[in-house]
């Protein structure tokens, strides 16, 4: 009987160690995965906003924004480089996005492409004669704001115990109900 009593603490300790190792591994992997995902989403957000800010500076009053481009670089070239950096960040990190957020970013990319192909070299008029800043504010800005909200919701949701897809769906419904 005393042999059975000596064996029980050993089994309990072994079982506890096994659960601790497996649990620690999964918690560590999940945390590492969330950090990589959050970094990817932050990079997409950063590049999108750098692109959008460059377009705002190009189409806005120059005295307000001042020179942002490198010497001997046109605004058109500068904005196109920022657009390419945004697309590279998006397509390079798109695996971390929910399907809805990915579609919203594709809408921003498409509206931005149309803008870049339709604006005159001075950033004043679109090919249809409308003001470039008005066109940008009407067709690109709302999409950018939607994406920023979605990316922020995804990062916030990754911190939740509830699986982030459920939190994102709830946030999307809340946003639709507000708008």
Protein backbone atom coordinates (compact mmCIF):
# COMPACT_ATOMS: atom_id res chain seq x y z
CA UNK A 1 0.00 0.00 0.00
CA UNK A 2 2.81 2.44 0.76
CA UNK A 3 4.26 1.81 -2.72
CA UNK A 4 0.99 3.04 -4.27
CA UNK A 5 1.14 6.23 -2.19
CA UNK A 6 4.70 7.00 -3.38
CA UNK A 7 3.66 6.48 -7.00
CA UNK A 8 0.69 8.96 -6.91
CA UNK A 9 2.76 12.14 -6.32
CA UNK A 10 5.11 11.08 -9.10
CA UNK A 11 2.23 10.64 -11.58
CA UNK A 12 0.61 13.92 -10.48
CA UNK A 13 3.91 15.78 -10.85
CA UNK A 14 4.56 14.21 -14.26
CA UNK A 15 1.05 15.04 -15.43
CA UNK A 16 1.36 18.63 -14.12
CA UNK A 17 4.69 19.08 -15.87
CA UNK A 18 3.23 17.76 -19.13
CA UNK A 19 0.22 20.05 -18.96
CA UNK A 20 2.47 22.99 -18.08
CA UNK A 21 4.80 22.37 -21.00
CA UNK A 22 2.02 21.89 -23.52
CA UNK A 23 0.03 24.86 -22.16
CA UNK A 24 3.09 27.10 -22.10
CA UNK A 25 3.91 26.17 -25.65
CA UNK A 26 0.43 27.01 -26.92
CA UNK A 27 0.25 30.28 -24.96
CA UNK A 28 3.69 31.28 -26.25
CA UNK A 29 2.85 30.40 -29.84
CA UNK A 30 -0.46 32.25 -29.66
CA UNK A 31 1.22 35.34 -28.22
CA UNK A 32 3.97 35.24 -30.82
CA UNK A 33 1.40 34.77 -33.58
CA UNK A 34 -0.64 37.74 -32.33
CA UNK A 35 2.47 39.92 -32.19
CA UNK A 36 3.45 39.01 -35.77
CA UNK A 37 -0.12 39.61 -36.91
CA UNK A 38 -0.37 42.95 -35.12
CA UNK A 39 2.96 44.06 -36.65
CA UNK A 40 1.73 43.10 -40.12
CA UNK A 41 -1.54 45.00 -39.66
CA UNK A 42 0.35 48.02 -38.32
CA UNK A 43 2.65 47.99 -41.36
CA UNK A 44 -0.31 47.91 -43.75
CA UNK A 45 -1.93 50.78 -41.85
CA UNK A 46 1.29 52.81 -41.80
CA UNK A 47 1.96 52.46 -45.52
CA UNK A 48 -1.66 53.20 -46.44
CA UNK A 49 -1.63 56.37 -44.34
CA UNK A 50 1.76 57.49 -45.69
CA UNK A 51 0.36 57.09 -49.19
CA UNK A 52 -2.85 58.92 -48.34
CA UNK A 53 -0.99 61.76 -46.61
CA UNK A 54 1.25 62.17 -49.66
CA UNK A 55 -1.83 62.45 -51.89
CA UNK A 56 -3.37 65.00 -49.52
CA UNK A 57 -0.16 67.02 -49.61
CA UNK A 58 -0.03 66.82 -53.41
CA UNK A 59 -3.64 67.88 -53.95
CA UNK A 60 -3.87 70.35 -51.09
CA UNK A 61 -2.54 73.89 -50.82
CA UNK A 62 1.25 73.74 -50.95
CA UNK A 63 1.72 76.40 -48.30
CA UNK A 64 -0.12 74.23 -45.79
CA UNK A 65 1.85 71.05 -46.30
CA UNK A 66 5.24 72.23 -47.51
CA UNK A 67 7.72 70.08 -49.40
CA UNK A 68 7.57 66.39 -48.58
CA UNK A 69 9.28 64.93 -51.60
CA UNK A 70 12.95 64.30 -52.11
CA UNK A 71 14.83 66.85 -54.20
CA UNK A 72 14.19 66.51 -57.95
CA UNK A 73 11.16 64.26 -57.35
CA UNK A 74 7.76 65.19 -58.69
CA UNK A 75 4.68 64.82 -56.52
CA UNK A 76 3.31 62.31 -59.01
CA UNK A 77 6.40 60.10 -58.69
CA UNK A 78 6.48 60.48 -54.93
CA UNK A 79 2.81 59.46 -54.57
CA UNK A 80 3.25 56.54 -56.94
CA UNK A 81 6.19 55.25 -54.86
CA UNK A 82 4.10 55.57 -51.70
CA UNK A 83 1.27 53.72 -53.46
CA UNK A 84 3.64 50.89 -54.41
CA UNK A 85 4.90 50.69 -50.80
CA UNK A 86 1.28 50.48 -49.61
CA UNK A 87 0.49 47.69 -52.10
CA UNK A 88 3.66 45.80 -51.16
CA UNK A 89 2.75 45.97 -47.47
CA UNK A 90 -0.81 44.88 -48.21
CA UNK A 91 0.01 41.95 -50.47
CA UNK A 92 2.99 40.93 -48.34
CA UNK A 93 0.94 40.83 -45.15
CA UNK A 94 -2.54 40.12 -46.49
CA UNK A 95 -2.54 36.62 -45.01
CA UNK A 96 -3.14 38.16 -41.57
CA UNK A 97 -6.31 40.00 -42.61
CA UNK A 98 -9.91 38.94 -42.33
CA UNK A 99 -11.68 38.59 -45.67
CA UNK A 100 -13.80 41.71 -45.09
CA UNK A 101 -10.81 43.88 -44.21
CA UNK A 102 -8.88 42.56 -47.19
CA UNK A 103 -11.76 43.51 -49.50
CA UNK A 104 -11.93 47.00 -47.98
CA UNK A 105 -8.20 47.50 -48.56
CA UNK A 106 -8.60 46.35 -52.15
CA UNK A 107 -11.29 49.03 -52.54
CA UNK A 108 -8.85 51.65 -51.23
CA UNK A 109 -6.18 50.39 -53.63
CA UNK A 110 -8.59 50.51 -56.58
CA UNK A 111 -9.90 54.01 -55.77
CA UNK A 112 -6.30 55.17 -55.29
CA UNK A 113 -5.25 53.67 -58.62
CA UNK A 114 -8.11 55.46 -60.37
CA UNK A 115 -7.09 58.67 -58.64
CA UNK A 116 -3.42 58.37 -59.60
CA UNK A 117 -4.30 57.59 -63.22
CA UNK A 118 -6.84 60.43 -63.47
CA UNK A 119 -5.17 63.34 -61.74
CA UNK A 120 -3.17 65.95 -63.64
CA UNK A 121 0.59 66.33 -62.92
CA UNK A 122 -0.08 69.35 -60.71
CA UNK A 123 -2.59 67.52 -58.50
CA UNK A 124 -5.34 70.02 -59.17
CA UNK A 125 -7.84 68.41 -61.58
CA UNK A 126 -9.08 64.98 -62.46
CA UNK A 127 -9.44 63.95 -66.10
CA UNK A 128 -13.20 64.63 -65.92
CA UNK A 129 -12.54 68.23 -64.77
CA UNK A 130 -13.48 67.80 -61.11
CA UNK A 131 -11.21 69.07 -58.37
CA UNK A 132 -8.62 66.44 -57.39
CA UNK A 133 -8.94 67.24 -53.68
CA UNK A 134 -12.75 66.98 -53.84
CA UNK A 135 -12.54 63.68 -55.75
CA UNK A 136 -10.02 62.32 -53.24
CA UNK A 137 -12.14 63.41 -50.28
CA UNK A 138 -15.28 61.86 -51.77
CA UNK A 139 -13.88 58.61 -53.21
CA UNK A 140 -10.74 57.69 -51.26
CA UNK A 141 -11.02 59.20 -47.76
CA UNK A 142 -14.19 57.32 -46.68
CA UNK A 143 -12.59 54.02 -47.74
CA UNK A 144 -9.36 54.85 -45.90
CA UNK A 145 -11.31 55.69 -42.74
CA UNK A 146 -13.24 52.41 -42.99
CA UNK A 147 -10.02 50.43 -43.35
CA UNK A 148 -8.41 52.23 -40.40
CA UNK A 149 -11.41 51.34 -38.23
CA UNK A 150 -11.32 47.71 -39.43
CA UNK A 151 -7.57 47.36 -38.80
CA UNK A 152 -7.93 48.87 -35.35
CA UNK A 153 -10.81 46.47 -34.61
CA UNK A 154 -8.71 43.51 -35.74
CA UNK A 155 -5.77 44.51 -33.55
CA UNK A 156 -8.06 45.15 -30.56
CA UNK A 157 -9.83 41.84 -31.14
CA UNK A 158 -6.55 39.92 -31.16
CA UNK A 159 -6.10 40.92 -27.52
CA UNK A 160 -9.44 39.39 -26.56
CA UNK A 161 -9.96 35.92 -25.14
CA UNK A 162 -12.95 35.55 -27.47
CA UNK A 163 -11.79 34.47 -30.93
CA UNK A 164 -11.13 37.61 -32.96
CA UNK A 165 -13.41 36.66 -35.86
CA UNK A 166 -16.41 36.86 -33.50
CA UNK A 167 -15.31 40.26 -32.14
CA UNK A 168 -14.74 41.62 -35.66
CA UNK A 169 -18.20 40.54 -36.78
CA UNK A 170 -19.71 42.27 -33.72
CA UNK A 171 -17.70 45.45 -34.40
CA UNK A 172 -18.81 45.42 -38.06
CA UNK A 173 -22.46 45.17 -37.01
CA UNK A 174 -22.01 47.99 -34.50
CA UNK A 175 -20.41 50.18 -37.19
CA UNK A 176 -23.21 49.47 -39.67
CA UNK A 177 -25.83 50.30 -37.06
CA UNK A 178 -24.11 53.65 -36.33
CA UNK A 179 -23.77 54.59 -40.01
